[in-house]
N, C-alpha and C. Protein backbone atom coordinates (compact mmCIF):
# COMPACT_ATOMS: atom_id res chain seq x y z
N MET A 1 14.26 7.05 -6.54
CA MET A 1 14.38 7.00 -5.11
C MET A 1 13.49 5.86 -4.60
N GLU A 2 13.92 5.21 -3.54
CA GLU A 2 13.18 4.09 -2.98
C GLU A 2 12.56 4.48 -1.64
N TYR A 3 11.30 4.08 -1.46
CA TYR A 3 10.56 4.36 -0.24
C TYR A 3 10.10 3.05 0.37
N ASN A 4 10.33 2.86 1.66
CA ASN A 4 9.94 1.64 2.36
C ASN A 4 8.86 1.96 3.38
N PHE A 5 7.81 1.16 3.36
CA PHE A 5 6.71 1.32 4.29
C PHE A 5 6.47 -0.01 5.00
N GLN A 6 6.42 0.02 6.31
CA GLN A 6 6.03 -1.13 7.12
C GLN A 6 4.56 -0.88 7.44
N VAL A 7 3.66 -1.74 6.92
CA VAL A 7 2.24 -1.44 7.02
C VAL A 7 1.45 -2.52 7.76
N GLU A 8 0.27 -2.14 8.19
CA GLU A 8 -0.67 -3.03 8.87
C GLU A 8 -1.59 -3.70 7.86
N ASN A 9 -2.21 -4.79 8.27
CA ASN A 9 -3.35 -5.42 7.62
C ASN A 9 -3.06 -6.22 6.35
N ILE A 10 -1.82 -6.37 5.91
CA ILE A 10 -1.55 -7.20 4.73
C ILE A 10 -1.68 -8.66 5.14
N ARG A 11 -2.51 -9.38 4.40
CA ARG A 11 -2.73 -10.79 4.72
C ARG A 11 -2.39 -11.76 3.59
N CYS A 12 -2.46 -11.30 2.33
CA CYS A 12 -2.30 -12.26 1.25
C CYS A 12 -1.94 -11.58 -0.06
N GLY A 13 -1.91 -12.39 -1.11
CA GLY A 13 -1.60 -11.89 -2.43
C GLY A 13 -2.64 -10.92 -2.97
N GLY A 14 -3.90 -11.07 -2.54
CA GLY A 14 -4.94 -10.13 -2.95
C GLY A 14 -4.64 -8.72 -2.45
N CYS A 15 -4.19 -8.65 -1.20
CA CYS A 15 -3.78 -7.36 -0.63
C CYS A 15 -2.63 -6.78 -1.45
N ALA A 16 -1.63 -7.62 -1.70
CA ALA A 16 -0.45 -7.18 -2.45
C ALA A 16 -0.83 -6.71 -3.85
N ASN A 17 -1.76 -7.41 -4.49
CA ASN A 17 -2.19 -7.04 -5.84
C ASN A 17 -2.85 -5.67 -5.85
N THR A 18 -3.74 -5.42 -4.90
CA THR A 18 -4.41 -4.12 -4.82
C THR A 18 -3.40 -3.01 -4.54
N ILE A 19 -2.52 -3.22 -3.58
CA ILE A 19 -1.52 -2.20 -3.24
C ILE A 19 -0.67 -1.88 -4.46
N THR A 20 -0.18 -2.92 -5.12
CA THR A 20 0.68 -2.73 -6.29
C THR A 20 -0.05 -1.96 -7.38
N LYS A 21 -1.26 -2.38 -7.71
CA LYS A 21 -2.03 -1.75 -8.77
C LYS A 21 -2.31 -0.28 -8.46
N LYS A 22 -2.77 0.01 -7.26
CA LYS A 22 -3.15 1.38 -6.91
C LYS A 22 -1.95 2.31 -6.77
N LEU A 23 -0.85 1.83 -6.23
CA LEU A 23 0.33 2.69 -6.10
C LEU A 23 0.98 2.96 -7.45
N ARG A 24 0.91 2.00 -8.37
CA ARG A 24 1.46 2.22 -9.72
C ARG A 24 0.68 3.27 -10.49
N GLU A 25 -0.55 3.55 -10.09
CA GLU A 25 -1.35 4.59 -10.75
C GLU A 25 -0.88 6.00 -10.39
N ILE A 26 -0.07 6.12 -9.36
CA ILE A 26 0.42 7.43 -8.92
C ILE A 26 1.52 7.90 -9.85
N ASN A 27 1.38 9.12 -10.31
CA ASN A 27 2.36 9.71 -11.24
C ASN A 27 3.76 9.71 -10.62
N GLY A 28 4.71 9.17 -11.36
CA GLY A 28 6.10 9.14 -10.91
C GLY A 28 6.53 7.82 -10.30
N VAL A 29 5.59 6.93 -10.00
CA VAL A 29 5.93 5.63 -9.43
C VAL A 29 6.40 4.71 -10.54
N LYS A 30 7.60 4.15 -10.39
CA LYS A 30 8.15 3.26 -11.40
C LYS A 30 7.89 1.79 -11.08
N ASP A 31 7.99 1.42 -9.79
CA ASP A 31 7.84 0.02 -9.43
C ASP A 31 7.34 -0.08 -7.99
N VAL A 32 6.62 -1.17 -7.73
CA VAL A 32 6.09 -1.45 -6.39
C VAL A 32 6.36 -2.91 -6.09
N HIS A 33 6.92 -3.18 -4.93
CA HIS A 33 7.13 -4.56 -4.47
C HIS A 33 6.50 -4.69 -3.08
N VAL A 34 5.67 -5.73 -2.92
CA VAL A 34 5.01 -5.96 -1.63
C VAL A 34 5.48 -7.31 -1.08
N ASN A 35 6.02 -7.29 0.13
CA ASN A 35 6.40 -8.51 0.83
C ASN A 35 5.33 -8.78 1.88
N VAL A 36 4.47 -9.77 1.58
CA VAL A 36 3.33 -10.06 2.45
C VAL A 36 3.79 -10.53 3.82
N GLU A 37 4.76 -11.43 3.87
CA GLU A 37 5.22 -11.98 5.16
C GLU A 37 5.77 -10.91 6.09
N ASP A 38 6.53 -9.97 5.53
CA ASP A 38 7.13 -8.91 6.34
C ASP A 38 6.25 -7.67 6.45
N LYS A 39 5.11 -7.69 5.76
CA LYS A 39 4.19 -6.55 5.74
C LYS A 39 4.91 -5.27 5.32
N GLN A 40 5.68 -5.41 4.25
CA GLN A 40 6.50 -4.31 3.78
C GLN A 40 6.14 -3.96 2.33
N VAL A 41 6.07 -2.66 2.07
CA VAL A 41 5.82 -2.14 0.74
C VAL A 41 7.02 -1.30 0.34
N ILE A 42 7.62 -1.62 -0.80
CA ILE A 42 8.78 -0.88 -1.29
C ILE A 42 8.39 -0.26 -2.63
N VAL A 43 8.53 1.05 -2.72
CA VAL A 43 8.14 1.79 -3.92
C VAL A 43 9.36 2.48 -4.49
N THR A 44 9.56 2.31 -5.80
CA THR A 44 10.61 3.03 -6.50
C THR A 44 9.94 4.14 -7.30
N SER A 45 10.45 5.35 -7.14
CA SER A 45 9.83 6.52 -7.76
C SER A 45 10.85 7.33 -8.53
N GLU A 46 10.37 8.02 -9.54
CA GLU A 46 11.21 8.95 -10.29
C GLU A 46 11.42 10.24 -9.51
N SER A 47 10.54 10.51 -8.55
CA SER A 47 10.57 11.77 -7.80
C SER A 47 11.72 11.79 -6.81
N SER A 48 12.38 12.92 -6.75
CA SER A 48 13.44 13.09 -5.76
C SER A 48 12.97 13.99 -4.62
N THR A 49 11.71 14.40 -4.65
CA THR A 49 11.14 15.23 -3.60
C THR A 49 10.55 14.32 -2.54
N TYR A 50 11.34 13.96 -1.55
CA TYR A 50 10.97 12.95 -0.57
C TYR A 50 9.64 13.23 0.12
N ASP A 51 9.49 14.40 0.72
CA ASP A 51 8.31 14.69 1.53
C ASP A 51 7.02 14.57 0.73
N ASN A 52 7.00 15.12 -0.47
CA ASN A 52 5.78 15.13 -1.25
C ASN A 52 5.36 13.72 -1.67
N ILE A 53 6.23 12.96 -2.28
CA ILE A 53 5.86 11.63 -2.76
C ILE A 53 5.62 10.68 -1.58
N HIS A 54 6.40 10.79 -0.52
CA HIS A 54 6.21 9.94 0.65
C HIS A 54 4.82 10.18 1.23
N HIS A 55 4.42 11.43 1.31
CA HIS A 55 3.10 11.79 1.84
C HIS A 55 1.99 11.23 0.94
N ILE A 56 2.14 11.36 -0.36
CA ILE A 56 1.15 10.85 -1.31
C ILE A 56 1.01 9.34 -1.19
N LEU A 57 2.13 8.63 -1.13
CA LEU A 57 2.11 7.17 -1.01
C LEU A 57 1.49 6.75 0.31
N SER A 58 1.87 7.40 1.38
CA SER A 58 1.35 7.08 2.70
C SER A 58 -0.16 7.29 2.77
N GLU A 59 -0.64 8.39 2.21
CA GLU A 59 -2.08 8.67 2.19
C GLU A 59 -2.84 7.61 1.39
N LYS A 60 -2.28 7.20 0.27
CA LYS A 60 -2.93 6.19 -0.56
C LYS A 60 -3.01 4.86 0.18
N LEU A 61 -1.95 4.50 0.88
CA LEU A 61 -1.96 3.26 1.67
C LEU A 61 -3.04 3.31 2.74
N VAL A 62 -3.19 4.44 3.40
CA VAL A 62 -4.24 4.60 4.42
C VAL A 62 -5.61 4.43 3.79
N LYS A 63 -5.84 5.07 2.64
CA LYS A 63 -7.13 4.98 1.96
C LYS A 63 -7.46 3.54 1.55
N LEU A 64 -6.43 2.76 1.26
CA LEU A 64 -6.63 1.36 0.88
C LEU A 64 -6.81 0.45 2.10
N GLY A 65 -6.53 0.99 3.31
CA GLY A 65 -6.67 0.21 4.54
C GLY A 65 -5.36 -0.38 5.04
N TYR A 66 -4.24 0.13 4.56
CA TYR A 66 -2.92 -0.38 4.95
C TYR A 66 -2.05 0.75 5.51
N PRO A 67 -2.40 1.28 6.68
CA PRO A 67 -1.62 2.38 7.26
C PRO A 67 -0.25 1.88 7.74
N GLU A 68 0.67 2.81 7.83
CA GLU A 68 2.00 2.47 8.34
C GLU A 68 1.91 2.05 9.80
N VAL A 69 2.74 1.09 10.18
CA VAL A 69 2.81 0.62 11.56
C VAL A 69 3.17 1.81 12.46
N GLY A 70 2.45 1.93 13.57
CA GLY A 70 2.75 2.97 14.54
C GLY A 70 2.03 4.28 14.30
N THR A 71 1.25 4.36 13.22
CA THR A 71 0.50 5.59 13.00
C THR A 71 -0.86 5.47 13.68
N ILE A 72 -1.54 6.56 13.79
CA ILE A 72 -2.86 6.57 14.43
C ILE A 72 -3.81 5.62 13.72
N GLY A 73 -3.71 5.56 12.40
CA GLY A 73 -4.62 4.72 11.63
C GLY A 73 -4.39 3.23 11.79
N SER A 74 -3.26 2.83 12.38
CA SER A 74 -2.95 1.40 12.44
C SER A 74 -3.88 0.63 13.37
N ASN A 75 -4.52 1.29 14.32
CA ASN A 75 -5.46 0.61 15.21
C ASN A 75 -6.91 0.90 14.85
N ASN A 76 -7.11 1.49 13.72
CA ASN A 76 -8.41 1.94 13.29
C ASN A 76 -9.21 0.78 12.70
N LEU A 77 -10.40 0.54 13.24
CA LEU A 77 -11.27 -0.52 12.75
C LEU A 77 -11.67 -0.28 11.30
N LYS A 78 -11.87 0.98 10.93
CA LYS A 78 -12.22 1.32 9.56
C LYS A 78 -11.10 0.89 8.60
N ALA A 79 -9.84 1.10 8.98
CA ALA A 79 -8.71 0.71 8.14
C ALA A 79 -8.71 -0.81 7.95
N LYS A 80 -8.99 -1.54 9.01
CA LYS A 80 -9.02 -3.00 8.91
C LYS A 80 -10.14 -3.46 7.98
N ALA A 81 -11.31 -2.85 8.10
CA ALA A 81 -12.43 -3.20 7.23
C ALA A 81 -12.13 -2.84 5.78
N THR A 82 -11.53 -1.67 5.57
CA THR A 82 -11.18 -1.23 4.22
C THR A 82 -10.16 -2.18 3.60
N SER A 83 -9.22 -2.66 4.40
CA SER A 83 -8.21 -3.58 3.86
C SER A 83 -8.84 -4.90 3.43
N VAL A 84 -9.88 -5.34 4.12
CA VAL A 84 -10.57 -6.58 3.73
C VAL A 84 -11.21 -6.40 2.35
N VAL A 85 -11.82 -5.25 2.13
CA VAL A 85 -12.43 -4.96 0.82
C VAL A 85 -11.34 -4.87 -0.24
N SER A 86 -10.24 -4.15 0.05
CA SER A 86 -9.14 -4.03 -0.90
C SER A 86 -8.56 -5.40 -1.24
N CYS A 87 -8.45 -6.24 -0.25
CA CYS A 87 -7.93 -7.60 -0.44
C CYS A 87 -8.84 -8.38 -1.39
N ALA A 88 -10.14 -8.32 -1.15
CA ALA A 88 -11.10 -9.05 -2.00
C ALA A 88 -11.05 -8.55 -3.44
N ILE A 89 -10.96 -7.23 -3.61
CA ILE A 89 -10.86 -6.66 -4.96
C ILE A 89 -9.57 -7.14 -5.62
N GLY A 90 -8.48 -7.20 -4.86
CA GLY A 90 -7.20 -7.66 -5.40
C GLY A 90 -7.26 -9.11 -5.83
N LYS A 91 -7.97 -9.93 -5.09
CA LYS A 91 -8.12 -11.34 -5.45
C LYS A 91 -8.92 -11.49 -6.73
N VAL A 92 -10.01 -10.75 -6.84
CA VAL A 92 -10.87 -10.83 -8.02
C VAL A 92 -10.15 -10.29 -9.26
N SER A 93 -9.49 -9.15 -9.15
CA SER A 93 -8.83 -8.55 -10.31
C SER A 93 -7.60 -9.36 -10.73
N ASN A 94 -7.05 -10.13 -9.82
CA ASN A 94 -5.90 -10.97 -10.15
C ASN A 94 -6.31 -12.16 -11.00
N LYS A 95 -7.57 -12.59 -10.89
CA LYS A 95 -8.06 -13.75 -11.63
C LYS A 95 -8.49 -13.40 -13.04
N SER A 96 -8.75 -12.12 -13.30
CA SER A 96 -9.22 -11.75 -14.63
C SER A 96 -8.10 -11.37 -15.57
């Protein structure tokens, strides 16, 4: 099943790298594609239980600093700061 998320705070490949790496760690996730320009995250999962996996993915995105557009967390300063850290980690881990 495919899940599409329109998210806040994606700025570069470092952000995309962190999102991809962290979402792939979730049990049942087969593939992750991040479109930086469109601020879109597309996840392919083995799970057919929409509510459960969607909730897990959404929560992970919030924890990384990339909440879905239109959610309460999208205007949160903490989410923006967290995304900067996630971005930096993604840049560093991409070089190693």
